[in-house]
C-alpha cells in the first residue's frame, strides 16, 4: 500500500496522468487457448443427461489459462 502512495505522490509531483481500471472481472472476457472440459459436479447432475460433460466458451476463474 505504501508503494502505491509513493508512486501516486511521484506521479502528482511530475504531473503525470494516472489511470485507474477494474480487473476483478477481466477473466470473464478471456479466451481459452486450449479446449477445456468439465464434468458435472455432485449435486448438480442433470437427471436427463447424467453422463454429459461441458466445454466452457470463455475462461473460468481458477483455470490455469485464465488471465
N, C-alpha and C. Protein backbone atom coordinates (compact mmCIF):
# COMPACT_ATOMS: atom_id res chain seq x y z
N UNK A 1 0.82 -1.19 0.00
CA UNK A 1 0.00 0.00 0.00
C UNK A 1 0.87 1.26 0.00
N UNK A 2 1.96 1.20 0.73
CA UNK A 2 2.86 2.35 0.79
C UNK A 2 3.49 2.62 -0.57
N UNK A 3 3.81 1.56 -1.31
CA UNK A 3 4.42 1.73 -2.63
C UNK A 3 3.45 2.44 -3.58
N UNK A 4 2.18 2.15 -3.45
CA UNK A 4 1.19 2.81 -4.30
C UNK A 4 1.12 4.30 -3.97
N UNK A 5 1.14 4.62 -2.70
CA UNK A 5 1.11 6.03 -2.30
C UNK A 5 2.35 6.78 -2.78
N UNK A 6 3.50 6.14 -2.70
CA UNK A 6 4.74 6.77 -3.19
C UNK A 6 4.64 7.00 -4.69
N UNK A 7 4.16 6.00 -5.40
CA UNK A 7 4.00 6.13 -6.85
C UNK A 7 3.06 7.28 -7.19
N UNK A 8 1.92 7.36 -6.50
CA UNK A 8 0.95 8.43 -6.78
C UNK A 8 1.51 9.80 -6.44
N UNK A 9 2.26 9.89 -5.35
CA UNK A 9 2.89 11.17 -4.99
C UNK A 9 3.90 11.59 -6.05
N UNK A 10 4.69 10.63 -6.53
CA UNK A 10 5.68 10.93 -7.58
C UNK A 10 4.97 11.35 -8.86
N UNK A 11 3.90 10.64 -9.22
CA UNK A 11 3.15 10.98 -10.43
C UNK A 11 2.54 12.37 -10.33
N UNK A 12 2.03 12.72 -9.15
CA UNK A 12 1.46 14.06 -8.96
C UNK A 12 2.56 15.13 -9.04
N UNK A 13 3.71 14.84 -8.47
CA UNK A 13 4.83 15.78 -8.49
C UNK A 13 5.30 16.06 -9.92
N UNK A 14 5.33 15.02 -10.74
CA UNK A 14 5.79 15.14 -12.13
C UNK A 14 4.65 15.48 -13.11
N UNK A 15 3.44 15.68 -12.59
CA UNK A 15 2.25 15.99 -13.41
C UNK A 15 1.94 14.89 -14.42
N UNK A 16 2.18 13.64 -14.02
CA UNK A 16 1.84 12.51 -14.88
C UNK A 16 0.34 12.27 -14.83
N UNK A 17 -0.19 11.70 -15.90
CA UNK A 17 -1.59 11.28 -15.92
C UNK A 17 -1.65 9.86 -15.37
N UNK A 18 -2.54 9.63 -14.43
CA UNK A 18 -2.69 8.31 -13.81
C UNK A 18 -4.07 7.78 -14.17
N UNK A 19 -4.12 6.53 -14.62
CA UNK A 19 -5.38 5.89 -14.98
C UNK A 19 -5.71 4.81 -13.96
N UNK A 20 -6.99 4.55 -13.81
CA UNK A 20 -7.46 3.51 -12.90
C UNK A 20 -8.35 2.57 -13.69
N UNK A 21 -8.30 1.27 -13.38
CA UNK A 21 -9.17 0.31 -14.05
C UNK A 21 -9.55 -0.80 -13.09
N UNK A 22 -10.61 -1.49 -13.43
CA UNK A 22 -11.11 -2.60 -12.62
C UNK A 22 -10.71 -3.90 -13.30
N UNK A 23 -9.96 -4.74 -12.62
CA UNK A 23 -9.54 -6.01 -13.21
C UNK A 23 -10.20 -7.21 -12.54
N UNK A 24 -11.16 -6.97 -11.68
CA UNK A 24 -11.81 -8.07 -10.97
C UNK A 24 -12.56 -8.99 -11.92
N UNK A 25 -13.11 -8.45 -13.00
CA UNK A 25 -13.90 -9.26 -13.92
C UNK A 25 -13.19 -9.52 -15.25
N UNK A 26 -11.90 -9.32 -15.31
CA UNK A 26 -11.19 -9.49 -16.57
C UNK A 26 -11.24 -10.94 -17.06
N UNK A 27 -11.31 -11.91 -16.14
CA UNK A 27 -11.33 -13.32 -16.55
C UNK A 27 -12.61 -13.67 -17.28
N UNK A 28 -13.67 -12.89 -17.14
CA UNK A 28 -14.94 -13.19 -17.81
C UNK A 28 -14.85 -13.01 -19.32
N UNK A 29 -13.90 -12.22 -19.78
CA UNK A 29 -13.78 -11.94 -21.20
C UNK A 29 -12.58 -12.63 -21.84
N UNK A 30 -11.87 -13.43 -21.09
CA UNK A 30 -10.68 -14.10 -21.61
C UNK A 30 -11.03 -15.29 -22.49
N UNK A 31 -10.28 -15.48 -23.54
CA UNK A 31 -10.48 -16.63 -24.43
C UNK A 31 -9.60 -17.78 -23.97
N UNK A 32 -10.04 -18.99 -24.27
CA UNK A 32 -9.27 -20.18 -23.92
C UNK A 32 -8.33 -20.53 -25.06
N UNK A 33 -7.09 -20.87 -24.74
CA UNK A 33 -6.10 -21.24 -25.74
C UNK A 33 -6.21 -22.72 -26.11
N UNK A 34 -6.68 -23.53 -25.18
CA UNK A 34 -6.85 -24.96 -25.41
C UNK A 34 -8.27 -25.34 -25.03
N UNK A 35 -8.74 -26.47 -25.55
CA UNK A 35 -10.06 -26.96 -25.17
C UNK A 35 -10.04 -27.44 -23.74
N UNK A 36 -11.07 -27.09 -22.99
CA UNK A 36 -11.21 -27.49 -21.60
C UNK A 36 -12.58 -28.13 -21.45
N UNK A 37 -12.63 -29.24 -20.73
CA UNK A 37 -13.90 -29.93 -20.49
C UNK A 37 -14.09 -30.11 -18.99
N UNK A 38 -15.36 -30.06 -18.57
CA UNK A 38 -15.66 -30.18 -17.14
C UNK A 38 -16.79 -31.18 -16.94
N UNK A 39 -16.65 -31.99 -15.90
CA UNK A 39 -17.71 -32.92 -15.51
C UNK A 39 -18.76 -32.17 -14.70
N UNK A 40 -19.93 -32.76 -14.60
CA UNK A 40 -20.98 -32.17 -13.78
C UNK A 40 -20.64 -32.39 -12.31
N UNK A 41 -20.67 -31.35 -11.50
CA UNK A 41 -20.35 -31.51 -10.08
C UNK A 41 -21.46 -32.25 -9.34
N UNK A 42 -21.08 -32.97 -8.29
CA UNK A 42 -22.08 -33.69 -7.49
C UNK A 42 -23.10 -32.71 -6.96
N UNK A 43 -24.36 -33.12 -6.99
CA UNK A 43 -25.43 -32.26 -6.53
C UNK A 43 -26.02 -31.40 -7.63
N UNK A 44 -25.34 -31.34 -8.78
CA UNK A 44 -25.83 -30.54 -9.91
C UNK A 44 -25.88 -31.37 -11.18
N UNK A 45 -26.02 -32.67 -11.04
CA UNK A 45 -26.04 -33.56 -12.20
C UNK A 45 -27.41 -33.52 -12.85
N UNK A 46 -27.43 -33.33 -14.16
CA UNK A 46 -28.67 -33.28 -14.93
C UNK A 46 -29.25 -34.69 -14.98
N UNK A 47 -30.45 -34.87 -14.48
CA UNK A 47 -31.07 -36.20 -14.42
C UNK A 47 -31.31 -36.77 -15.81
N UNK A 48 -31.59 -35.91 -16.79
CA UNK A 48 -31.83 -36.38 -18.15
C UNK A 48 -30.55 -36.74 -18.89
N UNK A 49 -29.44 -36.14 -18.51
CA UNK A 49 -28.15 -36.36 -19.18
C UNK A 49 -27.04 -36.50 -18.14
N UNK A 50 -27.03 -37.56 -17.36
CA UNK A 50 -26.04 -37.67 -16.27
C UNK A 50 -24.60 -37.86 -16.74
N UNK A 51 -24.39 -38.28 -17.98
CA UNK A 51 -23.02 -38.53 -18.44
C UNK A 51 -22.47 -37.38 -19.28
N UNK A 52 -23.22 -36.30 -19.43
CA UNK A 52 -22.74 -35.17 -20.24
C UNK A 52 -21.58 -34.46 -19.56
N UNK A 53 -20.66 -33.97 -20.39
CA UNK A 53 -19.59 -33.10 -19.92
C UNK A 53 -19.77 -31.74 -20.60
N UNK A 54 -19.13 -30.71 -20.06
CA UNK A 54 -19.32 -29.37 -20.57
C UNK A 54 -18.00 -28.77 -21.06
N UNK A 55 -18.11 -27.97 -22.12
CA UNK A 55 -16.96 -27.26 -22.68
C UNK A 55 -17.23 -25.76 -22.56
N UNK A 56 -16.54 -25.07 -21.64
CA UNK A 56 -16.77 -23.63 -21.50
C UNK A 56 -16.29 -22.85 -22.72
N UNK A 57 -17.03 -21.79 -23.06
CA UNK A 57 -16.67 -20.92 -24.19
C UNK A 57 -15.63 -19.88 -23.81
N UNK A 58 -15.66 -19.46 -22.55
CA UNK A 58 -14.75 -18.41 -22.06
C UNK A 58 -14.00 -18.93 -20.84
N UNK A 59 -12.97 -18.22 -20.45
CA UNK A 59 -12.16 -18.61 -19.30
C UNK A 59 -12.98 -18.55 -18.02
N UNK A 60 -12.70 -19.45 -17.11
CA UNK A 60 -13.36 -19.50 -15.81
C UNK A 60 -12.35 -19.20 -14.72
N UNK A 61 -12.82 -18.61 -13.64
CA UNK A 61 -11.95 -18.31 -12.52
C UNK A 61 -11.35 -19.60 -11.98
N UNK A 62 -10.06 -19.62 -11.78
CA UNK A 62 -9.38 -20.78 -11.23
C UNK A 62 -8.69 -21.65 -12.27
N UNK A 63 -9.00 -21.46 -13.54
CA UNK A 63 -8.30 -22.22 -14.57
C UNK A 63 -6.88 -21.71 -14.73
N UNK A 64 -5.97 -22.59 -15.09
CA UNK A 64 -4.59 -22.17 -15.32
C UNK A 64 -4.50 -21.21 -16.49
N UNK A 65 -5.42 -21.33 -17.44
CA UNK A 65 -5.41 -20.46 -18.62
C UNK A 65 -6.07 -19.11 -18.37
N UNK A 66 -6.77 -18.96 -17.27
CA UNK A 66 -7.49 -17.70 -17.01
C UNK A 66 -6.51 -16.54 -16.87
N UNK A 67 -6.90 -15.39 -17.40
CA UNK A 67 -6.00 -14.22 -17.30
C UNK A 67 -5.85 -13.74 -15.88
